[in-house]
């Protein structure tokens, strides 16, 4: 299970084998051998990898972290919460509650709450200025609908 999870964690964090190998001070061939299941790292390196990806070592070795049930994410969050001071635990809880409360209210959960830009008006053509104004009008209309 480790080999599959390592590849999943590495790719889901946007790392290729070379970038990952550099972060853990190992060769690309070593990472490749781990991901193929040929070898498994020693305990200390396993712990370092688990910490790097913020997963529990036991989960990384024994669970399918790529499954859709997010069990590893929940366990990882609980592990983090247990390390926080009480006031920070409350802050995380409040944030999670806010996310739950507003989840159904958002049309596009990935849309930014604020869009800001600075344009030097002297450097724009009349056509570019008109396109910017049209875009701003569209944003304002979308917010009022």
N, C-alpha and C. Protein backbone atom coordinates (compact mmCIF):
# COMPACT_ATOMS: atom_id res chain seq x y z
N UNK A 1 0.82 -1.20 0.00
CA UNK A 1 0.00 0.00 0.00
C UNK A 1 0.86 1.27 0.00
N UNK A 2 2.05 1.19 0.63
CA UNK A 2 2.92 2.36 0.69
C UNK A 2 3.27 2.88 -0.69
N UNK A 3 3.66 2.01 -1.60
CA UNK A 3 4.10 2.44 -2.93
C UNK A 3 2.99 3.23 -3.63
N UNK A 4 1.80 2.71 -3.59
CA UNK A 4 0.65 3.39 -4.22
C UNK A 4 0.39 4.73 -3.53
N UNK A 5 0.44 4.75 -2.22
CA UNK A 5 0.17 5.99 -1.49
C UNK A 5 1.24 7.04 -1.71
N UNK A 6 2.49 6.61 -1.79
CA UNK A 6 3.56 7.57 -2.02
C UNK A 6 3.36 8.28 -3.36
N UNK A 7 3.07 7.52 -4.38
CA UNK A 7 2.86 8.13 -5.70
C UNK A 7 1.64 9.05 -5.66
N UNK A 8 0.58 8.61 -5.01
CA UNK A 8 -0.62 9.43 -4.91
C UNK A 8 -0.32 10.74 -4.17
N UNK A 9 0.34 10.66 -3.03
CA UNK A 9 0.64 11.85 -2.24
C UNK A 9 1.57 12.80 -3.00
N UNK A 10 2.58 12.24 -3.62
CA UNK A 10 3.54 13.06 -4.36
C UNK A 10 2.84 13.81 -5.49
N UNK A 11 2.07 13.09 -6.29
CA UNK A 11 1.42 13.74 -7.45
C UNK A 11 0.31 14.69 -7.01
N UNK A 12 -0.40 14.35 -5.95
CA UNK A 12 -1.48 15.24 -5.50
C UNK A 12 -0.94 16.52 -4.89
N UNK A 13 0.33 16.53 -4.52
CA UNK A 13 0.98 17.74 -4.04
C UNK A 13 1.76 18.44 -5.15
N UNK A 14 1.58 17.97 -6.37
CA UNK A 14 2.17 18.63 -7.53
C UNK A 14 3.67 18.44 -7.67
N UNK A 15 4.19 17.36 -7.13
CA UNK A 15 5.63 17.11 -7.19
C UNK A 15 5.94 16.01 -8.19
N UNK A 16 6.96 16.22 -9.00
CA UNK A 16 7.45 15.10 -9.80
C UNK A 16 8.47 14.35 -8.94
N UNK A 17 8.95 13.22 -9.46
CA UNK A 17 9.88 12.41 -8.66
C UNK A 17 11.15 13.17 -8.30
N UNK A 18 11.64 13.98 -9.22
CA UNK A 18 12.88 14.71 -8.95
C UNK A 18 12.69 15.74 -7.83
N UNK A 19 11.59 16.49 -7.89
CA UNK A 19 11.32 17.48 -6.84
C UNK A 19 11.17 16.81 -5.48
N UNK A 20 10.43 15.71 -5.46
CA UNK A 20 10.24 14.99 -4.20
C UNK A 20 11.57 14.44 -3.69
N UNK A 21 12.35 13.84 -4.59
CA UNK A 21 13.65 13.29 -4.20
C UNK A 21 14.55 14.38 -3.60
N UNK A 22 14.54 15.55 -4.20
CA UNK A 22 15.34 16.66 -3.67
C UNK A 22 14.89 17.06 -2.28
N UNK A 23 13.59 17.07 -2.05
CA UNK A 23 13.07 17.48 -0.74
C UNK A 23 13.46 16.52 0.37
N UNK A 24 13.60 15.25 0.03
CA UNK A 24 13.94 14.28 1.07
C UNK A 24 15.40 13.81 0.96
N UNK A 25 16.16 14.51 0.14
CA UNK A 25 17.59 14.20 -0.02
C UNK A 25 17.85 12.75 -0.42
N UNK A 26 17.11 12.30 -1.42
CA UNK A 26 17.29 10.97 -1.97
C UNK A 26 17.38 11.08 -3.49
N UNK A 27 17.76 10.02 -4.13
CA UNK A 27 17.87 10.03 -5.59
C UNK A 27 16.52 9.72 -6.23
N UNK A 28 16.39 10.11 -7.47
CA UNK A 28 15.16 9.82 -8.22
C UNK A 28 14.98 8.31 -8.35
N UNK A 29 16.08 7.60 -8.55
CA UNK A 29 15.97 6.14 -8.70
C UNK A 29 15.46 5.49 -7.41
N UNK A 30 15.85 6.03 -6.27
CA UNK A 30 15.35 5.51 -4.99
C UNK A 30 13.84 5.73 -4.89
N UNK A 31 13.39 6.94 -5.22
CA UNK A 31 11.95 7.24 -5.18
C UNK A 31 11.21 6.33 -6.14
N UNK A 32 11.76 6.12 -7.31
CA UNK A 32 11.14 5.24 -8.30
C UNK A 32 11.01 3.81 -7.76
N UNK A 33 12.05 3.34 -7.11
CA UNK A 33 12.01 1.99 -6.53
C UNK A 33 10.96 1.89 -5.42
N UNK A 34 10.81 2.94 -4.62
CA UNK A 34 9.77 2.95 -3.59
C UNK A 34 8.39 2.89 -4.23
N UNK A 35 8.18 3.72 -5.25
CA UNK A 35 6.86 3.79 -5.89
C UNK A 35 6.53 2.52 -6.67
N UNK A 36 7.54 1.80 -7.11
CA UNK A 36 7.28 0.54 -7.82
C UNK A 36 7.05 -0.61 -6.84
N UNK A 37 7.34 -0.37 -5.57
CA UNK A 37 7.17 -1.41 -4.56
C UNK A 37 8.38 -2.31 -4.41
N UNK A 38 9.44 -1.99 -5.12
CA UNK A 38 10.66 -2.80 -5.04
C UNK A 38 11.29 -2.73 -3.66
N UNK A 39 11.32 -1.52 -3.10
CA UNK A 39 11.87 -1.31 -1.76
C UNK A 39 10.93 -0.41 -0.96
N UNK A 40 11.10 -0.46 0.36
CA UNK A 40 10.38 0.44 1.27
C UNK A 40 11.42 1.17 2.10
N UNK A 41 11.25 2.49 2.29
CA UNK A 41 12.24 3.23 3.09
C UNK A 41 12.30 2.75 4.53
N UNK A 42 13.39 3.10 5.19
CA UNK A 42 13.54 2.79 6.61
C UNK A 42 12.56 3.63 7.42
N UNK A 43 12.34 3.22 8.66
CA UNK A 43 11.32 3.82 9.51
C UNK A 43 11.46 5.34 9.65
N UNK A 44 12.67 5.82 9.83
CA UNK A 44 12.87 7.26 9.99
C UNK A 44 12.46 8.05 8.77
N UNK A 45 12.77 7.53 7.61
CA UNK A 45 12.40 8.21 6.37
C UNK A 45 10.89 8.11 6.15
N UNK A 46 10.31 6.97 6.50
CA UNK A 46 8.86 6.84 6.40
C UNK A 46 8.17 7.91 7.25
N UNK A 47 8.66 8.10 8.45
CA UNK A 47 8.08 9.12 9.34
C UNK A 47 8.24 10.51 8.74
N UNK A 48 9.40 10.78 8.15
CA UNK A 48 9.63 12.08 7.51
C UNK A 48 8.66 12.31 6.35
N UNK A 49 8.43 11.27 5.56
CA UNK A 49 7.51 11.38 4.42
C UNK A 49 6.09 11.61 4.92
N UNK A 50 5.69 10.87 5.93
CA UNK A 50 4.34 11.05 6.50
C UNK A 50 4.17 12.48 7.01
N UNK A 51 5.18 12.99 7.70
CA UNK A 51 5.11 14.37 8.20
C UNK A 51 5.06 15.37 7.06
N UNK A 52 5.85 15.14 6.02
CA UNK A 52 5.88 16.05 4.89
C UNK A 52 4.50 16.19 4.26
N UNK A 53 3.79 15.06 4.15
CA UNK A 53 2.48 15.08 3.51
C UNK A 53 1.34 15.20 4.53
N UNK A 54 1.70 15.34 5.80
CA UNK A 54 0.72 15.55 6.86
C UNK A 54 -0.31 14.41 6.94
N UNK A 55 0.21 13.19 6.89
CA UNK A 55 -0.64 12.02 7.06
C UNK A 55 -0.06 11.16 8.18
N UNK A 56 -0.89 10.33 8.76
CA UNK A 56 -0.39 9.43 9.79
C UNK A 56 0.40 8.30 9.13
N UNK A 57 1.47 7.91 9.75
CA UNK A 57 2.33 6.86 9.21
C UNK A 57 1.54 5.57 9.01
N UNK A 58 0.74 5.21 9.98
CA UNK A 58 -0.07 4.00 9.88
C UNK A 58 -0.99 4.06 8.66
N UNK A 59 -1.60 5.21 8.43
CA UNK A 59 -2.49 5.37 7.28
C UNK A 59 -1.70 5.26 5.98
N UNK A 60 -0.54 5.86 5.94
CA UNK A 60 0.28 5.83 4.73
C UNK A 60 0.69 4.40 4.38
N UNK A 61 0.88 3.58 5.39
CA UNK A 61 1.33 2.21 5.16
C UNK A 61 0.17 1.23 4.91
N UNK A 62 -1.01 1.52 5.44
CA UNK A 62 -2.07 0.49 5.46
C UNK A 62 -3.39 0.87 4.81
N UNK A 63 -3.59 2.13 4.47
CA UNK A 63 -4.87 2.55 3.90
C UNK A 63 -4.68 3.08 2.50
N UNK A 64 -5.72 2.96 1.70
CA UNK A 64 -5.69 3.55 0.37
C UNK A 64 -6.03 5.02 0.49
N UNK A 65 -5.01 5.86 0.46
CA UNK A 65 -5.22 7.30 0.65
C UNK A 65 -5.87 7.96 -0.56
N UNK A 66 -5.90 7.28 -1.67
CA UNK A 66 -6.50 7.88 -2.87
C UNK A 66 -8.01 7.65 -2.93
N UNK A 67 -8.55 6.89 -1.99
CA UNK A 67 -9.99 6.61 -2.03
C UNK A 67 -10.78 7.87 -1.76
N UNK A 68 -12.01 7.89 -2.20
CA UNK A 68 -12.84 9.08 -2.11
C UNK A 68 -13.43 9.32 -0.73
N UNK A 69 -13.22 8.44 0.21
CA UNK A 69 -13.90 8.60 1.50
C UNK A 69 -13.22 9.59 2.44
N UNK A 70 -12.06 10.10 2.09
CA UNK A 70 -11.35 11.13 2.86
C UNK A 70 -11.05 10.73 4.30
N UNK A 71 -11.01 9.46 4.58
CA UNK A 71 -10.68 9.00 5.93
C UNK A 71 -9.32 9.53 6.37
N UNK A 72 -8.36 9.50 5.46
CA UNK A 72 -7.02 9.97 5.81
C UNK A 72 -7.01 11.47 6.11
N UNK A 73 -7.83 12.22 5.40
CA UNK A 73 -7.91 13.66 5.63
C UNK A 73 -8.50 13.95 7.02
N UNK A 74 -9.52 13.21 7.37
CA UNK A 74 -10.15 13.39 8.69
C UNK A 74 -9.17 13.01 9.79
N UNK A 75 -8.49 11.88 9.64
CA UNK A 75 -7.53 11.45 10.65
C UNK A 75 -6.38 12.45 10.78
N UNK A 76 -5.93 12.96 9.65
CA UNK A 76 -4.85 13.93 9.66
C UNK A 76 -5.29 15.21 10.36
N UNK A 77 -6.50 15.65 10.10
CA UNK A 77 -7.03 16.85 10.74
C UNK A 77 -7.13 16.66 12.25
N UNK A 78 -7.60 15.50 12.67
CA UNK A 78 -7.70 15.21 14.10
C UNK A 78 -6.30 15.20 14.73
N UNK A 79 -5.33 14.61 14.05
CA UNK A 79 -3.96 14.60 14.56
C UNK A 79 -3.44 16.02 14.75
N UNK A 80 -3.68 16.86 13.77
CA UNK A 80 -3.27 18.26 13.88
C UNK A 80 -3.99 18.95 15.02
N UNK A 81 -5.30 18.76 15.09
CA UNK A 81 -6.10 19.41 16.15
C UNK A 81 -5.58 19.04 17.53
N UNK A 82 -5.21 17.77 17.71
CA UNK A 82 -4.72 17.32 19.01
C UNK A 82 -3.41 17.98 19.42
N UNK A 83 -2.69 18.53 18.45
CA UNK A 83 -1.42 19.19 18.75
C UNK A 83 -1.58 20.69 19.00
N UNK A 84 -2.75 21.22 18.72
CA UNK A 84 -2.99 22.65 18.88
C UNK A 84 -3.41 22.98 20.31
N UNK A 85 -3.13 24.22 20.72
CA UNK A 85 -3.64 24.72 21.99
C UNK A 85 -5.15 24.90 21.87
N UNK A 86 -5.83 24.93 23.01
CA UNK A 86 -7.29 24.98 23.02
C UNK A 86 -7.87 26.14 22.21
N UNK A 87 -7.27 27.34 22.33
CA UNK A 87 -7.81 28.48 21.60
C UNK A 87 -7.69 28.29 20.09
N UNK A 88 -6.61 27.65 19.66
CA UNK A 88 -6.44 27.38 18.23
C UNK A 88 -7.37 26.26 17.77
N UNK A 89 -7.62 25.28 18.62
CA UNK A 89 -8.59 24.25 18.28
C UNK A 89 -9.96 24.88 18.05
N UNK A 90 -10.31 25.83 18.91
CA UNK A 90 -11.60 26.52 18.78
C UNK A 90 -11.66 27.29 17.46
N UNK A 91 -10.54 27.93 17.10
CA UNK A 91 -10.50 28.67 15.84
C UNK A 91 -10.70 27.75 14.64
N UNK A 92 -10.07 26.58 14.67
CA UNK A 92 -10.24 25.62 13.57
C UNK A 92 -11.68 25.15 13.52
N UNK A 93 -12.25 24.86 14.67
CA UNK A 93 -13.65 24.43 14.72
C UNK A 93 -14.57 25.51 14.17
N UNK A 94 -14.36 26.75 14.61
CA UNK A 94 -15.20 27.86 14.14
C UNK A 94 -15.09 28.04 12.63
N UNK A 95 -13.88 27.90 12.11
CA UNK A 95 -13.68 28.02 10.66
C UNK A 95 -14.42 26.90 9.92
N UNK A 96 -14.29 25.68 10.42
CA UNK A 96 -14.98 24.55 9.79
C UNK A 96 -16.49 24.73 9.84
N UNK A 97 -17.00 25.23 10.96
CA UNK A 97 -18.44 25.47 11.09
C UNK A 97 -18.89 26.53 10.09
N UNK A 98 -18.10 27.59 9.94
CA UNK A 98 -18.41 28.64 8.97
C UNK A 98 -18.44 28.06 7.55
N UNK A 99 -17.47 27.21 7.23
CA UNK A 99 -17.44 26.59 5.90
C UNK A 99 -18.70 25.77 5.67
N UNK A 100 -19.12 25.03 6.68
CA UNK A 100 -20.34 24.22 6.57
C UNK A 100 -21.57 25.11 6.41
N UNK A 101 -21.64 26.16 7.21
CA UNK A 101 -22.80 27.05 7.17
C UNK A 101 -22.96 27.74 5.82
N UNK A 102 -21.84 28.10 5.19
CA UNK A 102 -21.91 28.86 3.94
C UNK A 102 -21.78 27.98 2.70
N UNK A 103 -21.56 26.71 2.87
CA UNK A 103 -21.32 25.79 1.76
C UNK A 103 -22.43 25.83 0.72
N UNK A 104 -23.67 25.82 1.12
CA UNK A 104 -24.78 25.82 0.17
C UNK A 104 -25.10 27.18 -0.40
N UNK A 105 -24.51 28.22 0.13
CA UNK A 105 -24.83 29.58 -0.31
C UNK A 105 -23.98 30.03 -1.48
N UNK A 106 -22.93 29.32 -1.76
CA UNK A 106 -21.99 29.76 -2.79
C UNK A 106 -22.34 29.13 -4.13
N UNK A 107 -22.44 29.97 -5.16
CA UNK A 107 -22.64 29.44 -6.50
C UNK A 107 -21.40 28.71 -6.96
N UNK A 108 -20.26 29.35 -6.80
CA UNK A 108 -18.98 28.78 -7.21
C UNK A 108 -18.05 28.84 -6.01
N UNK A 109 -17.86 27.71 -5.31
CA UNK A 109 -17.03 27.73 -4.10
C UNK A 109 -15.58 28.10 -4.35
N UNK A 110 -15.16 28.09 -5.59
CA UNK A 110 -13.77 28.44 -5.90
C UNK A 110 -13.63 29.90 -6.32
N UNK A 111 -14.75 30.61 -6.44
CA UNK A 111 -14.70 32.00 -6.88
C UNK A 111 -14.12 32.88 -5.77
N UNK A 112 -13.30 33.82 -6.13
CA UNK A 112 -12.72 34.70 -5.10
C UNK A 112 -13.77 35.66 -4.56
N UNK A 113 -13.61 36.03 -3.29
CA UNK A 113 -14.49 37.01 -2.68
C UNK A 113 -14.14 38.42 -3.12
N UNK A 114 -12.91 38.62 -3.56
CA UNK A 114 -12.44 39.95 -3.92
C UNK A 114 -11.55 39.85 -5.14
N UNK A 115 -11.77 40.75 -6.05
CA UNK A 115 -10.91 40.84 -7.22
C UNK A 115 -10.36 42.25 -7.24
N UNK A 116 -9.05 42.36 -7.25
CA UNK A 116 -8.43 43.67 -7.24
C UNK A 116 -7.40 43.75 -8.35
N UNK A 117 -7.29 44.93 -8.92
CA UNK A 117 -6.30 45.14 -9.98
C UNK A 117 -5.93 46.61 -10.01
N UNK A 118 -4.74 46.86 -10.50
CA UNK A 118 -4.30 48.24 -10.70
C UNK A 118 -3.91 48.39 -12.15
N UNK A 119 -4.52 49.34 -12.79
CA UNK A 119 -4.22 49.60 -14.19
C UNK A 119 -3.77 51.03 -14.34
N UNK A 120 -2.75 51.24 -15.12
CA UNK A 120 -2.30 52.58 -15.42
C UNK A 120 -3.05 53.02 -16.67
N UNK A 121 -4.03 53.88 -16.48
CA UNK A 121 -4.94 54.27 -17.53
C UNK A 121 -4.22 54.85 -18.75
N UNK A 122 -3.08 55.46 -18.53
CA UNK A 122 -2.34 56.08 -19.65
C UNK A 122 -1.76 55.05 -20.61
N UNK A 123 -1.58 53.81 -20.14
CA UNK A 123 -0.97 52.79 -20.98
C UNK A 123 -1.98 51.96 -21.75
N UNK A 124 -3.27 52.29 -21.64
CA UNK A 124 -4.29 51.49 -22.31
C UNK A 124 -4.83 52.21 -23.53
N UNK A 125 -5.19 51.40 -24.51
CA UNK A 125 -5.86 51.95 -25.68
C UNK A 125 -7.33 52.17 -25.31
N UNK A 126 -8.06 52.89 -26.14
CA UNK A 126 -9.49 53.10 -25.89
C UNK A 126 -10.24 51.77 -25.88
N UNK A 127 -9.84 50.85 -26.78
CA UNK A 127 -10.49 49.54 -26.84
C UNK A 127 -10.23 48.74 -25.56
N UNK A 128 -9.00 48.75 -25.07
CA UNK A 128 -8.67 48.04 -23.82
C UNK A 128 -9.43 48.64 -22.65
N UNK A 129 -9.52 49.97 -22.59
CA UNK A 129 -10.25 50.64 -21.52
C UNK A 129 -11.73 50.23 -21.56
N UNK A 130 -12.29 50.12 -22.76
CA UNK A 130 -13.69 49.72 -22.91
C UNK A 130 -13.88 48.27 -22.45
N UNK A 131 -12.94 47.39 -22.76
CA UNK A 131 -13.03 46.00 -22.33
C UNK A 131 -13.00 45.89 -20.81
N UNK A 132 -12.14 46.67 -20.17
CA UNK A 132 -12.07 46.67 -18.70
C UNK A 132 -13.39 47.16 -18.13
N UNK A 133 -13.93 48.24 -18.66
CA UNK A 133 -15.20 48.77 -18.17
C UNK A 133 -16.34 47.79 -18.39
N UNK A 134 -16.36 47.09 -19.51
CA UNK A 134 -17.39 46.08 -19.77
C UNK A 134 -17.29 44.95 -18.76
N UNK A 135 -16.05 44.54 -18.47
CA UNK A 135 -15.83 43.47 -17.50
C UNK A 135 -16.32 43.89 -16.11
N UNK A 136 -15.98 45.10 -15.70
CA UNK A 136 -16.43 45.60 -14.40
C UNK A 136 -17.95 45.66 -14.32
N UNK A 137 -18.59 46.11 -15.40
CA UNK A 137 -20.05 46.16 -15.44
C UNK A 137 -20.64 44.75 -15.28
N UNK A 138 -20.04 43.78 -15.95
CA UNK A 138 -20.53 42.41 -15.85
C UNK A 138 -20.39 41.89 -14.42
N UNK A 139 -19.28 42.16 -13.78
CA UNK A 139 -19.08 41.71 -12.40
C UNK A 139 -20.13 42.35 -11.49
N UNK A 140 -20.34 43.63 -11.65
CA UNK A 140 -21.34 44.31 -10.80
C UNK A 140 -22.72 43.78 -11.04
N UNK A 141 -23.08 43.50 -12.29
CA UNK A 141 -24.40 42.93 -12.59
C UNK A 141 -24.56 41.53 -12.02
N UNK A 142 -23.50 40.71 -12.10
CA UNK A 142 -23.55 39.36 -11.56
C UNK A 142 -23.76 39.36 -10.05
N UNK A 143 -23.18 40.34 -9.36
CA UNK A 143 -23.32 40.43 -7.90
C UNK A 143 -24.72 40.83 -7.49
N UNK A 144 -25.42 41.62 -8.31
CA UNK A 144 -26.75 42.11 -7.92
C UNK A 144 -27.85 41.14 -8.35
N UNK A 145 -27.55 40.19 -9.18
CA UNK A 145 -28.59 39.23 -9.64
C UNK A 145 -28.82 38.14 -8.63
